[in-house]
Amino acid sequence: MNTAPAVAAAACLAFATCAAAFTQNVELEAGLSRSDPKALMQFPAKGYRDGAAGFFRDNNLQIVPGSERAWCQERDRGVLKPGCYVEWSYHQRGYNQRTPDGEPCGYLARWYRAPGAKTYAPTTGSPFADVIARSDMNALVLEETSSMPAKLRDVRRLDWCTTESVQR
């Protein structure tokens, strides 16, 4: 369940200075939750005219339902500049969706679109969005972790997430 925007909205209501802190993009979130190609097309993937939709299709990937967030904000909020942000967790189809404690399995991708821009780009420090943008599936092959670039080694990979789902 997507509670982050509701919690943020409730916090803003408690403080009169937060009138329109952000605008949630419910339609985009719903599309991403289904790994809908129309939603994924909004995110670039080198060599694909249909962007991330093509990369996901060719590599049998899906977004972990319930992990998607999409919002826009008009002013600075901490380290976040004005603009639109999208994040989701993704992994190969057929694997477990969540850890036993409810955390999404997979790789976290974060995207940003500046005000007035037409396209999203990976946020700084989001190597797994960058993997999609570069269409570099080889960076996600985790059978041999010693061959992974150092910046990708910090992802939490549990046996629970990498075993094929048995409809738990």
Protein backbone atom coordinates (compact mmCIF):
# COMPACT_ATOMS: atom_id res chain seq x y z
CA MET A 1 0.00 0.00 0.00
CA ASN A 2 1.30 3.44 -0.93
CA THR A 3 1.23 5.32 2.39
CA ALA A 4 4.20 7.70 1.97
CA PRO A 5 2.21 10.48 0.24
CA ALA A 6 -0.63 10.15 2.78
CA VAL A 7 1.81 10.44 5.67
CA ALA A 8 3.48 13.47 4.08
CA ALA A 9 0.11 15.09 3.44
CA ALA A 10 -0.97 14.51 7.04
CA ALA A 11 2.29 16.04 8.26
CA CYS A 12 1.69 19.09 6.08
CA LEU A 13 -1.81 19.50 7.44
CA ALA A 14 -0.33 19.66 10.92
CA PHE A 15 1.78 22.62 9.85
CA ALA A 16 -0.02 25.47 8.08
CA THR A 17 3.09 26.30 6.02
CA CYS A 18 2.88 23.18 3.81
CA ALA A 19 -0.09 24.04 1.57
CA ALA A 20 0.61 22.00 -1.66
CA ALA A 21 3.93 20.48 -0.70
CA PHE A 22 3.72 17.97 -3.53
CA THR A 23 1.32 16.53 -6.06
CA GLN A 24 1.10 12.75 -6.26
CA ASN A 25 0.84 11.27 -9.78
CA VAL A 26 -1.64 8.50 -9.03
CA GLU A 27 -2.14 7.60 -12.70
CA LEU A 28 1.58 7.05 -13.29
CA GLU A 29 1.89 5.05 -10.06
CA ALA A 30 -0.99 2.78 -11.12
CA GLY A 31 0.61 2.16 -14.52
CA LEU A 32 4.00 1.42 -13.00
CA SER A 33 2.42 -0.96 -10.48
CA ARG A 34 1.24 -3.05 -13.45
CA SER A 35 4.56 -2.61 -15.32
CA ASP A 36 2.43 -1.01 -18.03
CA PRO A 37 4.52 -0.27 -21.16
CA LYS A 38 2.78 3.11 -21.57
CA ALA A 39 4.04 4.15 -18.13
CA LEU A 40 7.52 2.71 -18.68
CA MET A 41 7.90 4.52 -22.03
CA GLN A 42 8.39 7.77 -20.11
CA PHE A 43 11.81 6.61 -18.89
CA PRO A 44 14.79 6.42 -21.25
CA ALA A 45 16.67 3.27 -22.19
CA LYS A 46 19.49 3.56 -24.73
CA GLY A 47 18.67 1.84 -28.01
CA TYR A 48 14.95 1.50 -27.33
CA ARG A 49 12.39 3.73 -29.04
CA ASP A 50 9.91 2.71 -26.35
CA GLY A 51 12.37 3.45 -23.54
CA ALA A 52 12.27 1.36 -20.38
CA ALA A 53 9.27 -0.57 -21.73
CA GLY A 54 11.52 -2.20 -24.33
CA PHE A 55 14.32 -2.82 -21.84
CA PHE A 56 11.86 -4.44 -19.42
CA ARG A 57 10.30 -6.56 -22.19
CA ASP A 58 13.63 -7.80 -23.58
CA ASN A 59 15.01 -8.64 -20.13
CA ASN A 60 11.86 -10.13 -18.57
CA LEU A 61 11.72 -7.45 -15.86
CA GLN A 62 8.82 -6.13 -13.83
CA ILE A 63 8.19 -3.46 -11.22
CA VAL A 64 7.43 -4.80 -7.75
CA PRO A 65 3.78 -3.79 -7.25
CA GLY A 66 3.37 -1.32 -4.40
CA SER A 67 6.97 -0.07 -4.59
CA GLU A 68 6.24 2.75 -7.04
CA ARG A 69 6.08 6.42 -6.02
CA ALA A 70 5.54 9.42 -8.32
CA TRP A 71 5.20 13.06 -7.30
CA CYS A 72 6.00 16.63 -8.30
CA GLN A 73 6.94 19.55 -6.09
CA GLU A 74 7.18 23.24 -6.85
CA ARG A 75 9.91 24.24 -4.42
CA ASP A 76 13.01 22.87 -2.69
CA ARG A 77 12.35 20.33 0.05
CA GLY A 78 15.57 19.37 1.78
CA VAL A 79 17.91 17.93 -0.89
CA LEU A 80 15.09 17.60 -3.44
CA LYS A 81 14.90 20.35 -6.04
CA PRO A 82 11.64 21.45 -7.66
CA GLY A 83 10.46 19.00 -10.30
CA CYS A 84 8.99 15.53 -10.60
CA TYR A 85 10.35 12.37 -9.00
CA VAL A 86 9.60 8.71 -9.62
CA GLU A 87 10.98 5.67 -7.86
CA TRP A 88 10.28 1.95 -7.98
CA SER A 89 11.84 -1.42 -7.23
CA TYR A 90 12.21 -3.88 -10.10
CA HIS A 91 13.50 -7.38 -10.75
CA GLN A 92 13.06 -10.32 -13.10
CA ARG A 93 9.58 -11.77 -13.47
CA GLY A 94 8.87 -14.88 -11.44
CA TYR A 95 10.90 -13.97 -8.38
CA ASN A 96 9.50 -13.14 -4.97
CA GLN A 97 8.01 -9.67 -4.69
CA ARG A 98 8.81 -8.91 -1.04
CA THR A 99 11.01 -10.01 1.84
CA PRO A 100 9.37 -11.69 4.84
CA ASP A 101 9.29 -8.30 6.60
CA GLY A 102 7.43 -6.68 3.67
CA GLU A 103 10.28 -4.81 1.98
CA PRO A 104 10.22 -4.84 -1.84
CA CYS A 105 12.73 -7.16 -3.47
CA GLY A 106 14.81 -5.99 -6.38
CA TYR A 107 16.71 -2.92 -7.46
CA LEU A 108 15.63 0.60 -6.51
CA ALA A 109 15.49 3.02 -9.45
CA ARG A 110 14.99 6.76 -8.88
CA TRP A 111 14.23 9.30 -11.63
CA TYR A 112 13.96 13.09 -11.87
CA ARG A 113 12.38 15.47 -14.38
CA ALA A 114 13.25 19.15 -14.00
CA PRO A 115 10.52 21.79 -14.36
CA GLY A 116 9.88 22.37 -18.07
CA ALA A 117 11.80 19.24 -19.13
CA LYS A 118 10.10 16.60 -21.24
CA THR A 119 12.08 13.56 -20.10
CA TYR A 120 13.13 11.86 -16.89
CA ALA A 121 16.75 11.09 -16.06
CA PRO A 122 18.27 8.88 -13.36
CA THR A 123 18.86 10.77 -10.14
CA THR A 124 22.41 11.19 -8.91
CA GLY A 125 23.30 8.13 -6.88
CA SER A 126 20.72 5.82 -8.49
CA PRO A 127 22.84 3.17 -10.20
CA PHE A 128 19.84 0.96 -10.96
CA ALA A 129 17.99 3.69 -12.85
CA ASP A 130 21.25 4.32 -14.68
CA VAL A 131 21.38 0.62 -15.64
CA ILE A 132 18.01 1.07 -17.38
CA ALA A 133 19.01 4.36 -19.04
CA ARG A 134 22.23 2.75 -20.38
CA SER A 135 20.41 -0.54 -21.22
CA ASP A 136 23.16 -2.41 -19.36
CA MET A 137 21.55 -5.65 -18.21
CA ASN A 138 25.00 -7.13 -17.57
CA ALA A 139 25.31 -4.89 -14.51
CA LEU A 140 22.36 -6.73 -12.96
CA VAL A 141 23.67 -10.26 -13.33
CA LEU A 142 24.32 -11.13 -9.70
CA GLU A 143 25.43 -14.75 -9.87
CA GLU A 144 29.04 -13.59 -9.43
CA THR A 145 29.04 -10.59 -7.07
CA SER A 146 32.81 -10.11 -7.31
CA SER A 147 32.37 -9.08 -10.96
CA MET A 148 29.86 -6.35 -10.07
CA PRO A 149 30.96 -2.73 -10.16
CA ALA A 150 31.68 -1.52 -6.62
CA LYS A 151 28.78 0.96 -6.63
CA LEU A 152 26.29 -1.89 -7.13
CA ARG A 153 27.55 -4.12 -4.32
CA ASP A 154 25.64 -2.25 -1.62
CA VAL A 155 22.24 -3.57 -2.72
CA ARG A 156 20.63 -5.91 -0.22
CA ARG A 157 20.19 -9.28 -1.93
CA LEU A 158 18.47 -11.94 0.13
CA ASP A 159 17.95 -15.57 -0.81
CA TRP A 160 14.26 -14.88 -0.34
CA CYS A 161 14.25 -12.35 -3.18
CA THR A 162 16.31 -14.34 -5.66
CA THR A 163 14.41 -17.60 -5.44
CA GLU A 164 11.55 -18.17 -7.80
CA SER A 165 8.16 -17.42 -6.33
CA VAL A 166 5.97 -20.24 -5.14
CA GLN A 167 2.93 -17.98 -4.72
CA ARG A 168 3.66 -17.12 -1.08
